[in-house]
Amino acid sequence: MNQLTELLGRLRAGDAEARNALFAAAYADLHRLARSRLRDGGRNTVLDTTGLVHESFLRFVSGGALRAEDRRGFFAYASQVMRSVIVNSARERIAQRRGGDLRPLTL
């Protein structure tokens, strides 16, 4: 049995330590996935691969339960989370260029 699949099973069973062990075991693969996501997404000067992996981990933690059954499902879900992190980063950057959090001024 694959180590990641075993850790996913423990995580679904409610083992709190399994989440940290899962990300530690998958870190190198997540880093490769992040590099691929950033390369395919075009020019993004704000995020680097490590920052994308860590931001994705924070989204996993705050998002609640992970619903992946196996290694393939886990990386598919991780890829979707990374994409949403990239899109949100781009939206924030564009909003800052357009005035961001400035208050409107009536004339």
PDB file of N, CA and C in Angstrom:
ATOM      1  N   MET A   1       0.849  -1.191   0.000  1.00  0.00           N
ATOM      2  CA  MET A   1       0.000   0.000   0.000  1.00  0.00           C
ATOM      3  C   MET A   1       0.887   1.244   0.000  1.00  0.00           C
ATOM      4  N   ASN A   2       0.497   2.246  -0.727  1.00  0.00           N
ATOM      5  CA  ASN A   2       1.246   3.482  -0.836  1.00  0.00           C
ATOM      6  C   ASN A   2       1.178   4.255   0.480  1.00  0.00           C
ATOM      7  N   GLN A   3       2.257   4.905   0.846  1.00  0.00           N
ATOM      8  CA  GLN A   3       2.312   5.658   2.095  1.00  0.00           C
ATOM      9  C   GLN A   3       1.286   6.791   2.113  1.00  0.00           C
ATOM     10  N   LEU A   4       1.132   7.493   0.995  1.00  0.00           N
ATOM     11  CA  LEU A   4       0.165   8.594   0.945  1.00  0.00           C
ATOM     12  C   LEU A   4      -1.262   8.090   1.085  1.00  0.00           C
ATOM     13  N   THR A   5      -1.568   6.963   0.462  1.00  0.00           N
ATOM     14  CA  THR A   5      -2.904   6.394   0.573  1.00  0.00           C
ATOM     15  C   THR A   5      -3.192   5.986   2.013  1.00  0.00           C
ATOM     16  N   GLU A   6      -2.194   5.430   2.670  1.00  0.00           N
ATOM     17  CA  GLU A   6      -2.343   5.054   4.084  1.00  0.00           C
ATOM     18  C   GLU A   6      -2.577   6.295   4.947  1.00  0.00           C
ATOM     19  N   LEU A   7      -1.826   7.354   4.699  1.00  0.00           N
ATOM     20  CA  LEU A   7      -1.995   8.589   5.467  1.00  0.00           C
ATOM     21  C   LEU A   7      -3.354   9.235   5.197  1.00  0.00           C
ATOM     22  N   LEU A   8      -3.830   9.149   3.962  1.00  0.00           N
ATOM     23  CA  LEU A   8      -5.161   9.673   3.651  1.00  0.00           C
ATOM     24  C   LEU A   8      -6.239   8.901   4.398  1.00  0.00           C
ATOM     25  N   GLY A   9      -6.066   7.589   4.500  1.00  0.00           N
ATOM     26  CA  GLY A   9      -7.006   6.774   5.263  1.00  0.00           C
ATOM     27  C   GLY A   9      -7.002   7.146   6.734  1.00  0.00           C
ATOM     28  N   ARG A  10      -5.820   7.359   7.291  1.00  0.00           N
ATOM     29  CA  ARG A  10      -5.728   7.768   8.699  1.00  0.00           C
ATOM     30  C   ARG A  10      -6.347   9.148   8.906  1.00  0.00           C
ATOM     31  N   LEU A  11      -6.181  10.035   7.937  1.00  0.00           N
ATOM     32  CA  LEU A  11      -6.750  11.377   8.034  1.00  0.00           C
ATOM     33  C   LEU A  11      -8.275  11.319   8.012  1.00  0.00           C
ATOM     34  N   ARG A  12      -8.828  10.493   7.131  1.00  0.00           N
ATOM     35  CA  ARG A  12     -10.288  10.329   7.083  1.00  0.00           C
ATOM     36  C   ARG A  12     -10.823   9.703   8.360  1.00  0.00           C
ATOM     37  N   ALA A  13     -10.000   8.877   9.001  1.00  0.00           N
ATOM     38  CA  ALA A  13     -10.413   8.226  10.240  1.00  0.00           C
ATOM     39  C   ALA A  13     -10.373   9.178  11.429  1.00  0.00           C
ATOM     40  N   GLY A  14      -9.771  10.357  11.248  1.00  0.00           N
ATOM     41  CA  GLY A  14      -9.768  11.350  12.305  1.00  0.00           C
ATOM     42  C   GLY A  14      -8.427  11.559  12.991  1.00  0.00           C
ATOM     43  N   ASP A  15      -7.367  10.980  12.462  1.00  0.00           N
ATOM     44  CA  ASP A  15      -6.036  11.155  13.042  1.00  0.00           C
ATOM     45  C   ASP A  15      -5.513  12.545  12.688  1.00  0.00           C
ATOM     46  N   ALA A  16      -5.345  13.391  13.703  1.00  0.00           N
ATOM     47  CA  ALA A  16      -4.925  14.776  13.479  1.00  0.00           C
ATOM     48  C   ALA A  16      -3.469  14.866  13.017  1.00  0.00           C
ATOM     49  N   GLU A  17      -2.626  13.952  13.462  1.00  0.00           N
ATOM     50  CA  GLU A  17      -1.212  13.983  13.084  1.00  0.00           C
ATOM     51  C   GLU A  17      -1.000  13.529  11.643  1.00  0.00           C
ATOM     52  N   ALA A  18      -1.976  12.834  11.084  1.00  0.00           N
ATOM     53  CA  ALA A  18      -1.819  12.310   9.727  1.00  0.00           C
ATOM     54  C   ALA A  18      -1.742  13.432   8.697  1.00  0.00           C
ATOM     55  N   ARG A  19      -2.422  14.550   8.959  1.00  0.00           N
ATOM     56  CA  ARG A  19      -2.393  15.666   8.007  1.00  0.00           C
ATOM     57  C   ARG A  19      -0.984  16.212   7.853  1.00  0.00           C
ATOM     58  N   ASN A  20      -0.305  16.445   8.958  1.00  0.00           N
ATOM     59  CA  ASN A  20       1.068  16.959   8.883  1.00  0.00           C
ATOM     60  C   ASN A  20       2.010  15.940   8.248  1.00  0.00           C
ATOM     61  N   ALA A  21       1.818  14.669   8.583  1.00  0.00           N
ATOM     62  CA  ALA A  21       2.649  13.620   7.995  1.00  0.00           C
ATOM     63  C   ALA A  21       2.375  13.493   6.497  1.00  0.00           C
ATOM     64  N   LEU A  22       1.128  13.673   6.098  1.00  0.00           N
ATOM     65  CA  LEU A  22       0.759  13.602   4.685  1.00  0.00           C
ATOM     66  C   LEU A  22       1.467  14.691   3.889  1.00  0.00           C
ATOM     67  N   PHE A  23       1.437  15.909   4.393  1.00  0.00           N
ATOM     68  CA  PHE A  23       2.090  16.999   3.669  1.00  0.00           C
ATOM     69  C   PHE A  23       3.603  16.883   3.703  1.00  0.00           C
ATOM     70  N   ALA A  24       4.142  16.342   4.774  1.00  0.00           N
ATOM     71  CA  ALA A  24       5.592  16.127   4.824  1.00  0.00           C
ATOM     72  C   ALA A  24       6.006  15.069   3.792  1.00  0.00           C
ATOM     73  N   ALA A  25       5.201  14.020   3.666  1.00  0.00           N
ATOM     74  CA  ALA A  25       5.530  12.954   2.724  1.00  0.00           C
ATOM     75  C   ALA A  25       5.339  13.403   1.277  1.00  0.00           C
ATOM     76  N   ALA A  26       4.390  14.284   1.037  1.00  0.00           N
ATOM     77  CA  ALA A  26       4.068  14.712  -0.330  1.00  0.00           C
ATOM     78  C   ALA A  26       4.715  16.041  -0.699  1.00  0.00           C
ATOM     79  N   TYR A  27       5.554  16.595   0.150  1.00  0.00           N
ATOM     80  CA  TYR A  27       6.084  17.946  -0.065  1.00  0.00           C
ATOM     81  C   TYR A  27       6.833  18.075  -1.390  1.00  0.00           C
ATOM     82  N   ALA A  28       7.695  17.130  -1.688  1.00  0.00           N
ATOM     83  CA  ALA A  28       8.474  17.219  -2.938  1.00  0.00           C
ATOM     84  C   ALA A  28       7.555  17.151  -4.158  1.00  0.00           C
ATOM     85  N   ASP A  29       6.560  16.278  -4.112  1.00  0.00           N
ATOM     86  CA  ASP A  29       5.620  16.181  -5.230  1.00  0.00           C
ATOM     87  C   ASP A  29       4.757  17.432  -5.336  1.00  0.00           C
ATOM     88  N   LEU A  30       4.357  17.995  -4.211  1.00  0.00           N
ATOM     89  CA  LEU A  30       3.580  19.235  -4.223  1.00  0.00           C
ATOM     90  C   LEU A  30       4.421  20.382  -4.783  1.00  0.00           C
ATOM     91  N   HIS A  31       5.691  20.379  -4.476  1.00  0.00           N
ATOM     92  CA  HIS A  31       6.595  21.411  -4.985  1.00  0.00           C
ATOM     93  C   HIS A  31       6.702  21.313  -6.508  1.00  0.00           C
ATOM     94  N   ARG A  32       6.804  20.083  -7.027  1.00  0.00           N
ATOM     95  CA  ARG A  32       6.848  19.884  -8.479  1.00  0.00           C
ATOM     96  C   ARG A  32       5.537  20.318  -9.125  1.00  0.00           C
ATOM     97  N   LEU A  33       4.426  20.000  -8.475  1.00  0.00           N
ATOM     98  CA  LEU A  33       3.116  20.396  -8.986  1.00  0.00           C
ATOM     99  C   LEU A  33       2.984  21.916  -9.005  1.00  0.00           C
ATOM    100  N   ALA A  34       3.476  22.578  -7.963  1.00  0.00           N
ATOM    101  CA  ALA A  34       3.425  24.040  -7.904  1.00  0.00           C
ATOM    102  C   ALA A  34       4.282  24.654  -9.004  1.00  0.00           C
ATOM    103  N   ARG A  35       5.446  24.095  -9.246  1.00  0.00           N
ATOM    104  CA  ARG A  35       6.312  24.598 -10.319  1.00  0.00           C
ATOM    105  C   ARG A  35       5.605  24.466 -11.659  1.00  0.00           C
ATOM    106  N   SER A  36       4.933  23.351 -11.863  1.00  0.00           N
ATOM    107  CA  SER A  36       4.186  23.141 -13.102  1.00  0.00           C
ATOM    108  C   SER A  36       3.031  24.120 -13.217  1.00  0.00           C
ATOM    109  N   ARG A  37       2.318  24.345 -12.128  1.00  0.00           N
ATOM    110  CA  ARG A  37       1.184  25.271 -12.133  1.00  0.00           C
ATOM    111  C   ARG A  37       1.635  26.694 -12.443  1.00  0.00           C
ATOM    112  N   LEU A  38       2.734  27.114 -11.859  1.00  0.00           N
ATOM    113  CA  LEU A  38       3.219  28.476 -12.093  1.00  0.00           C
ATOM    114  C   LEU A  38       3.782  28.626 -13.504  1.00  0.00           C
ATOM    115  N   ARG A  39       4.392  27.588 -14.027  1.00  0.00           N
ATOM    116  CA  ARG A  39       4.925  27.647 -15.383  1.00  0.00           C
ATOM    117  C   ARG A  39       3.789  27.723 -16.393  1.00  0.00           C
ATOM    118  N   ASP A  40       2.727  26.953 -16.185  1.00  0.00           N
ATOM    119  CA  ASP A  40       1.599  26.942 -17.114  1.00  0.00           C
ATOM    120  C   ASP A  40       0.740  28.188 -16.985  1.00  0.00           C
ATOM    121  N   GLY A  41       0.780  28.832 -15.834  1.00  0.00           N
ATOM    122  CA  GLY A  41      -0.094  29.973 -15.593  1.00  0.00           C
ATOM    123  C   GLY A  41       0.413  31.286 -16.133  1.00  0.00           C
ATOM    124  N   GLY A  42       1.576  31.324 -16.728  1.00  0.00           N
ATOM    125  CA  GLY A  42       2.097  32.573 -17.261  1.00  0.00           C
ATOM    126  C   GLY A  42       2.946  33.305 -16.234  1.00  0.00           C
ATOM    127  N   ARG A  43       3.085  34.592 -16.414  1.00  0.00           N
ATOM    128  CA  ARG A  43       3.949  35.396 -15.554  1.00  0.00           C
ATOM    129  C   ARG A  43       3.245  35.745 -14.259  1.00  0.00           C
ATOM    130  N   ASN A  44       3.779  35.292 -13.166  1.00  0.00           N
ATOM    131  CA  ASN A  44       3.235  35.597 -11.845  1.00  0.00           C
ATOM    132  C   ASN A  44       4.425  35.900 -10.948  1.00  0.00           C
ATOM    133  N   THR A  45       4.715  37.149 -10.745  1.00  0.00           N
ATOM    134  CA  THR A  45       5.922  37.524 -10.029  1.00  0.00           C
ATOM    135  C   THR A  45       5.736  37.547  -8.522  1.00  0.00           C
ATOM    136  N   VAL A  46       4.499  37.430  -8.050  1.00  0.00           N
ATOM    137  CA  VAL A  46       4.251  37.516  -6.620  1.00  0.00           C
ATOM    138  C   VAL A  46       4.488  36.178  -5.933  1.00  0.00           C
ATOM    139  N   LEU A  47       4.045  35.100  -6.531  1.00  0.00           N
ATOM    140  CA  LEU A  47       4.156  33.778  -5.927  1.00  0.00           C
ATOM    141  C   LEU A  47       5.356  33.025  -6.463  1.00  0.00           C
ATOM    142  N   ASP A  48       6.031  32.314  -5.577  1.00  0.00           N
ATOM    143  CA  ASP A  48       7.037  31.358  -5.997  1.00  0.00           C
ATOM    144  C   ASP A  48       6.520  29.971  -5.620  1.00  0.00           C
ATOM    145  N   THR A  49       7.252  28.940  -5.983  1.00  0.00           N
ATOM    146  CA  THR A  49       6.747  27.582  -5.764  1.00  0.00           C
ATOM    147  C   THR A  49       6.568  27.261  -4.288  1.00  0.00           C
ATOM    148  N   THR A  50       7.529  27.642  -3.466  1.00  0.00           N
ATOM    149  CA  THR A  50       7.424  27.365  -2.035  1.00  0.00           C
ATOM    150  C   THR A  50       6.254  28.120  -1.423  1.00  0.00           C
ATOM    151  N   GLY A  51       6.091  29.371  -1.792  1.00  0.00           N
ATOM    152  CA  GLY A  51       4.971  30.158  -1.284  1.00  0.00           C
ATOM    153  C   GLY A  51       3.634  29.571  -1.700  1.00  0.00           C
ATOM    154  N   LEU A  52       3.557  29.055  -2.927  1.00  0.00           N
ATOM    155  CA  LEU A  52       2.319  28.445  -3.394  1.00  0.00           C
ATOM    156  C   LEU A  52       2.010  27.163  -2.630  1.00  0.00           C
ATOM    157  N   VAL A  53       3.018  26.342  -2.374  1.00  0.00           N
ATOM    158  CA  VAL A  53       2.805  25.107  -1.606  1.00  0.00           C
ATOM    159  C   VAL A  53       2.344  25.441  -0.195  1.00  0.00           C
ATOM    160  N   HIS A  54       2.970  26.413   0.431  1.00  0.00           N
ATOM    161  CA  HIS A  54       2.611  26.757   1.815  1.00  0.00           C
ATOM    162  C   HIS A  54       1.231  27.398   1.892  1.00  0.00           C
ATOM    163  N   GLU A  55       0.901  28.255   0.946  1.00  0.00           N
ATOM    164  CA  GLU A  55      -0.424  28.864   0.924  1.00  0.00           C
ATOM    165  C   GLU A  55      -1.497  27.804   0.690  1.00  0.00           C
ATOM    166  N   SER A  56      -1.199  26.845  -0.156  1.00  0.00           N
ATOM    167  CA  SER A  56      -2.141  25.745  -0.398  1.00  0.00           C
ATOM    168  C   SER A  56      -2.337  24.913   0.861  1.00  0.00           C
ATOM    169  N   PHE A  57      -1.248  24.666   1.592  1.00  0.00           N
ATOM    170  CA  PHE A  57      -1.359  23.926   2.851  1.00  0.00           C
ATOM    171  C   PHE A  57      -2.264  24.667   3.834  1.00  0.00           C
ATOM    172  N   LEU A  58      -2.102  25.990   3.918  1.00  0.00           N
ATOM    173  CA  LEU A  58      -2.958  26.767   4.812  1.00  0.00           C
ATOM    174  C   LEU A  58      -4.421  26.687   4.397  1.00  0.00           C
ATOM    175  N   ARG A  59      -4.671  26.644   3.107  1.00  0.00           N
ATOM    176  CA  ARG A  59      -6.056  26.494   2.636  1.00  0.00           C
ATOM    177  C   ARG A  59      -6.600  25.114   2.959  1.00  0.00           C
ATOM    178  N   PHE A  60      -5.739  24.079   2.857  1.00  0.00           N
ATOM    179  CA  PHE A  60      -6.167  22.741   3.243  1.00  0.00           C
ATOM    180  C   PHE A  60      -6.566  22.714   4.716  1.00  0.00           C
ATOM    181  N   VAL A  61      -5.732  23.319   5.553  1.00  0.00           N
ATOM    182  CA  VAL A  61      -5.968  23.300   6.997  1.00  0.00           C
ATOM    183  C   VAL A  61      -7.240  24.063   7.347  1.00  0.00           C
ATOM    184  N   SER A  62      -7.422  25.225   6.753  1.00  0.00           N
ATOM    185  CA  SER A  62      -8.594  26.037   7.090  1.00  0.00           C
ATOM    186  C   SER A  62      -9.856  25.555   6.387  1.00  0.00           C
ATOM    187  N   GLY A  63      -9.698  24.762   5.326  1.00  0.00           N
ATOM    188  CA  GLY A  63     -10.838  24.309   4.547  1.00  0.00           C
ATOM    189  C   GLY A  63     -11.645  23.205   5.197  1.00  0.00           C
ATOM    190  N   GLY A  64     -11.086  22.533   6.163  1.00  0.00           N
ATOM    191  CA  GLY A  64     -11.824  21.458   6.820  1.00  0.00           C
ATOM    192  C   GLY A  64     -11.395  20.093   6.332  1.00  0.00           C
ATOM    193  N   ALA A  65     -12.368  19.229   6.099  1.00  0.00           N
ATOM    194  CA  ALA A  65     -12.100  17.831   5.770  1.00  0.00           C
ATOM    195  C   ALA A  65     -11.588  17.671   4.339  1.00  0.00           C
ATOM    196  N   LEU A  66     -10.604  16.824   4.184  1.00  0.00           N
ATOM    197  CA  LEU A  66     -10.055  16.482   2.878  1.00  0.00           C
ATOM    198  C   LEU A  66     -10.810  15.255   2.374  1.00  0.00           C
ATOM    199  N   ARG A  67     -11.352  15.329   1.188  1.00  0.00           N
ATOM    200  CA  ARG A  67     -12.200  14.248   0.675  1.00  0.00           C
ATOM    201  C   ARG A  67     -11.522  13.436  -0.424  1.00  0.00           C
ATOM    202  N   ALA A  68     -10.237  13.250  -0.351  1.00  0.00           N
ATOM    203  CA  ALA A  68      -9.516  12.476  -1.357  1.00  0.00           C
ATOM    204  C   ALA A  68      -9.424  11.022  -0.907  1.00  0.00           C
ATOM    205  N   GLU A  69      -9.651  10.123  -1.835  1.00  0.00           N
ATOM    206  CA  GLU A  69      -9.635   8.694  -1.532  1.00  0.00           C
ATOM    207  C   GLU A  69      -8.245   8.069  -1.700  1.00  0.00           C
ATOM    208  N   ASP A  70      -7.485   8.579  -2.653  1.00  0.00           N
ATOM    209  CA  ASP A  70      -6.188   7.993  -2.937  1.00  0.00           C
ATOM    210  C   ASP A  70      -5.209   9.088  -3.364  1.00  0.00           C
ATOM    211  N   ARG A  71      -4.019   8.667  -3.727  1.00  0.00           N
ATOM    212  CA  ARG A  71      -2.950   9.593  -4.111  1.00  0.00           C
ATOM    213  C   ARG A  71      -3.369  10.476  -5.296  1.00  0.00           C
ATOM    214  N   ARG A  72      -3.985   9.868  -6.285  1.00  0.00           N
ATOM    215  CA  ARG A  72      -4.398  10.610  -7.471  1.00  0.00           C
ATOM    216  C   ARG A  72      -5.433  11.682  -7.112  1.00  0.00           C
ATOM    217  N   GLY A  73      -6.401  11.335  -6.297  1.00  0.00           N
ATOM    218  CA  GLY A  73      -7.419  12.294  -5.873  1.00  0.00           C
ATOM    219  C   GLY A  73      -6.833  13.422  -5.042  1.00  0.00           C
ATOM    220  N   PHE A  74      -5.854  13.082  -4.210  1.00  0.00           N
ATOM    221  CA  PHE A  74      -5.196  14.096  -3.385  1.00  0.00           C
ATOM    222  C   PHE A  74      -4.488  15.126  -4.250  1.00  0.00           C
ATOM    223  N   PHE A  75      -3.731  14.670  -5.247  1.00  0.00           N
ATOM    224  CA  PHE A  75      -3.001  15.607  -6.087  1.00  0.00           C
ATOM    225  C   PHE A  75      -3.921  16.375  -7.030  1.00  0.00           C
ATOM    226  N   ALA A  76      -5.030  15.770  -7.426  1.00  0.00           N
ATOM    227  CA  ALA A  76      -6.015  16.507  -8.221  1.00  0.00           C
ATOM    228  C   ALA A  76      -6.618  17.638  -7.394  1.00  0.00           C
ATOM    229  N   TYR A  77      -6.946  17.333  -6.144  1.00  0.00           N
ATOM    230  CA  TYR A  77      -7.494  18.356  -5.249  1.00  0.00           C
ATOM    231  C   TYR A  77      -6.446  19.430  -4.962  1.00  0.00           C
ATOM    232  N   ALA A  78      -5.201  19.014  -4.736  1.00  0.00           N
ATOM    233  CA  ALA A  78      -4.123  19.971  -4.483  1.00  0.00           C
ATOM    234  C   ALA A  78      -3.922  20.886  -5.687  1.00  0.00           C
ATOM    235  N   SER A  79      -4.037  20.345  -6.889  1.00  0.00           N
ATOM    236  CA  SER A  79      -3.892  21.149  -8.093  1.00  0.00           C
ATOM    237  C   SER A  79      -4.999  22.200  -8.189  1.00  0.00           C
ATOM    238  N   GLN A  80      -6.220  21.825  -7.843  1.00  0.00           N
ATOM    239  CA  GLN A  80      -7.329  22.782  -7.859  1.00  0.00           C
ATOM    240  C   GLN A  80      -7.119  23.883  -6.818  1.00  0.00           C
ATOM    241  N   VAL A  81      -6.645  23.505  -5.644  1.00  0.00           N
ATOM    242  CA  VAL A  81      -6.392  24.499  -4.597  1.00  0.00           C
ATOM    243  C   VAL A  81      -5.291  25.454  -5.046  1.00  0.00           C
ATOM    244  N   MET A  82      -4.237  24.926  -5.652  1.00  0.00           N
ATOM    245  CA  MET A  82      -3.151  25.784  -6.133  1.00  0.00           C
ATOM    246  C   MET A  82      -3.654  26.745  -7.207  1.00  0.00           C
ATOM    247  N   ARG A  83      -4.500  26.257  -8.084  1.00  0.00           N
ATOM    248  CA  ARG A  83      -5.066  27.128  -9.112  1.00  0.00           C
ATOM    249  C   ARG A  83      -5.863  28.258  -8.482  1.00  0.00           C
ATOM    250  N   SER A  84      -6.654  27.953  -7.454  1.00  0.00           N
ATOM    251  CA  SER A  84      -7.451  29.001  -6.816  1.00  0.00           C
ATOM    252  C   SER A  84      -6.558  30.010  -6.091  1.00  0.00           C
ATOM    253  N   VAL A  85      -5.451  29.552  -5.537  1.00  0.00           N
ATOM    254  CA  VAL A  85      -4.501  30.468  -4.898  1.00  0.00           C
ATOM    255  C   VAL A  85      -3.904  31.408  -5.939  1.00  0.00           C
ATOM    256  N   ILE A  86      -3.530  30.865  -7.099  1.00  0.00           N
ATOM    257  CA  ILE A  86      -2.946  31.682  -8.175  1.00  0.00           C
ATOM    258  C   ILE A  86      -3.966  32.701  -8.679  1.00  0.00           C
ATOM    259  N   VAL A  87      -5.195  32.259  -8.897  1.00  0.00           N
ATOM    260  CA  VAL A  87      -6.241  33.157  -9.406  1.00  0.00           C
ATOM    261  C   VAL A  87      -6.534  34.260  -8.401  1.00  0.00           C
ATOM    262  N   ASN A  88      -6.642  33.914  -7.125  1.00  0.00           N
ATOM    263  CA  ASN A  88      -6.907  34.933  -6.101  1.00  0.00           C
ATOM    264  C   ASN A  88      -5.761  35.922  -5.986  1.00  0.00           C
ATOM    265  N   SER A  89      -4.537  35.436  -6.133  1.00  0.00           N
ATOM    266  CA  SER A  89      -3.380  36.323  -6.089  1.00  0.00           C
ATOM    267  C   SER A  89      -3.409  37.307  -7.253  1.00  0.00           C
ATOM    268  N   ALA A  90      -3.743  36.804  -8.434  1.00  0.00           N
ATOM    269  CA  ALA A  90      -3.823  37.676  -9.609  1.00  0.00           C
ATOM    270  C   ALA A  90      -4.950  38.702  -9.444  1.00  0.00           C
ATOM    271  N   ARG A  91      -6.081  38.275  -8.908  1.00  0.00           N
ATOM    272  CA  ARG A  91      -7.194  39.203  -8.694  1.00  0.00           C
ATOM    273  C   ARG A  91      -6.829  40.296  -7.696  1.00  0.00           C
ATOM    274  N   GLU A  92      -6.135  39.923  -6.628  1.00  0.00           N
ATOM    275  CA  GLU A  92      -5.711  40.923  -5.645  1.00  0.00           C
ATOM    276  C   GLU A  92      -4.735  41.912  -6.255  1.00  0.00           C
ATOM    277  N   ARG A  93      -3.816  41.404  -7.073  1.00  0.00           N
ATOM    278  CA  ARG A  93      -2.828  42.279  -7.709  1.00  0.00           C
ATOM    279  C   ARG A  93      -3.507  43.252  -8.667  1.00  0.00           C
ATOM    280  N   ILE A  94      -4.481  42.773  -9.431  1.00  0.00           N
ATOM    281  CA  ILE A  94      -5.211  43.640 -10.356  1.00  0.00           C
ATOM    282  C   ILE A  94      -6.037  44.660  -9.592  1.00  0.00           C
ATOM    283  N   ALA A  95      -6.656  44.245  -8.487  1.00  0.00           N
ATOM    284  CA  ALA A  95      -7.451  45.174  -7.685  1.00  0.00           C
ATOM    285  C   ALA A  95      -6.571  46.274  -7.099  1.00  0.00           C
ATOM    286  N   GLN A  96      -5.352  45.937  -6.688  1.00  0.00           N
ATOM    287  CA  GLN A  96      -4.442  46.946  -6.159  1.00  0.00           C
ATOM    288  C   GLN A  96      -4.050  47.944  -7.240  1.00  0.00           C
ATOM    289  N   ARG A  97      -3.888  47.466  -8.465  1.00  0.00           N
ATOM    290  CA  ARG A  97      -3.555  48.362  -9.566  1.00  0.00           C
ATOM    291  C   ARG A  97      -4.694  49.312  -9.886  1.00  0.00           C
ATOM    292  N   ARG A  98      -5.913  48.864  -9.666  1.00  0.00           N
ATOM    293  CA  ARG A  98      -7.096  49.669  -9.981  1.00  0.00           C
ATOM    294  C   ARG A  98      -7.578  50.499  -8.806  1.00  0.00           C
ATOM    295  N   GLY A  99      -6.796  50.606  -7.784  1.00  0.00           N
ATOM    296  CA  GLY A  99      -7.177  51.426  -6.654  1.00  0.00           C
ATOM    297  C   GLY A  99      -7.382  50.642  -5.383  1.00  0.00           C
ATOM    298  N   GLY A 100      -7.560  49.336  -5.512  1.00  0.00           N
ATOM    299  CA  GLY A 100      -7.645  48.444  -4.373  1.00  0.00           C
ATOM    300  C   GLY A 100      -8.603  48.877  -3.289  1.00  0.00           C
ATOM    301  N   ASP A 101      -8.050  49.240  -2.161  1.00  0.00           N
ATOM    302  CA  ASP A 101      -8.877  49.572  -1.000  1.00  0.00           C
ATOM    303  C   ASP A 101      -9.027  51.086  -0.789  1.00  0.00           C
ATOM    304  N   LEU A 102      -8.785  51.868  -1.825  1.00  0.00           N
ATOM    305  CA  LEU A 102      -8.979  53.310  -1.704  1.00  0.00           C
ATOM    306  C   LEU A 102     -10.466  53.626  -1.616  1.00  0.00           C
ATOM    307  N   ARG A 103     -10.786  54.591  -0.804  1.00  0.00           N
ATOM    308  CA  ARG A 103     -12.185  54.998  -0.691  1.00  0.00           C
ATOM    309  C   ARG A 103     -12.543  55.908  -1.854  1.00  0.00           C
ATOM    310  N   PRO A 104     -13.757  55.734  -2.391  1.00  0.00           N
ATOM    311  CA  PRO A 104     -14.151  56.617  -3.499  1.00  0.00           C
ATOM    312  C   PRO A 104     -14.329  58.055  -3.030  1.00  0.00           C
ATOM    313  N   LEU A 105     -13.973  58.968  -3.875  1.00  0.00           N
ATOM    314  CA  LEU A 105     -14.051  60.383  -3.560  1.00  0.00           C
ATOM    315  C   LEU A 105     -15.147  61.004  -4.435  1.00  0.00           C
ATOM    316  N   THR A 106     -16.128  61.605  -3.795  1.00  0.00           N
ATOM    317  CA  THR A 106     -17.196  62.253  -4.556  1.00  0.00           C
ATOM    318  C   THR A 106     -16.767  63.669  -4.867  1.00  0.00           C
ATOM    319  N   LEU A 107     -17.107  64.130  -6.032  1.00  0.00           N
ATOM    320  CA  LEU A 107     -16.734  65.479  -6.433  1.00  0.00           C
ATOM    321  C   LEU A 107     -17.875  66.444  -6.249  1.00  0.00           C
TER     322      LEU A 107
END
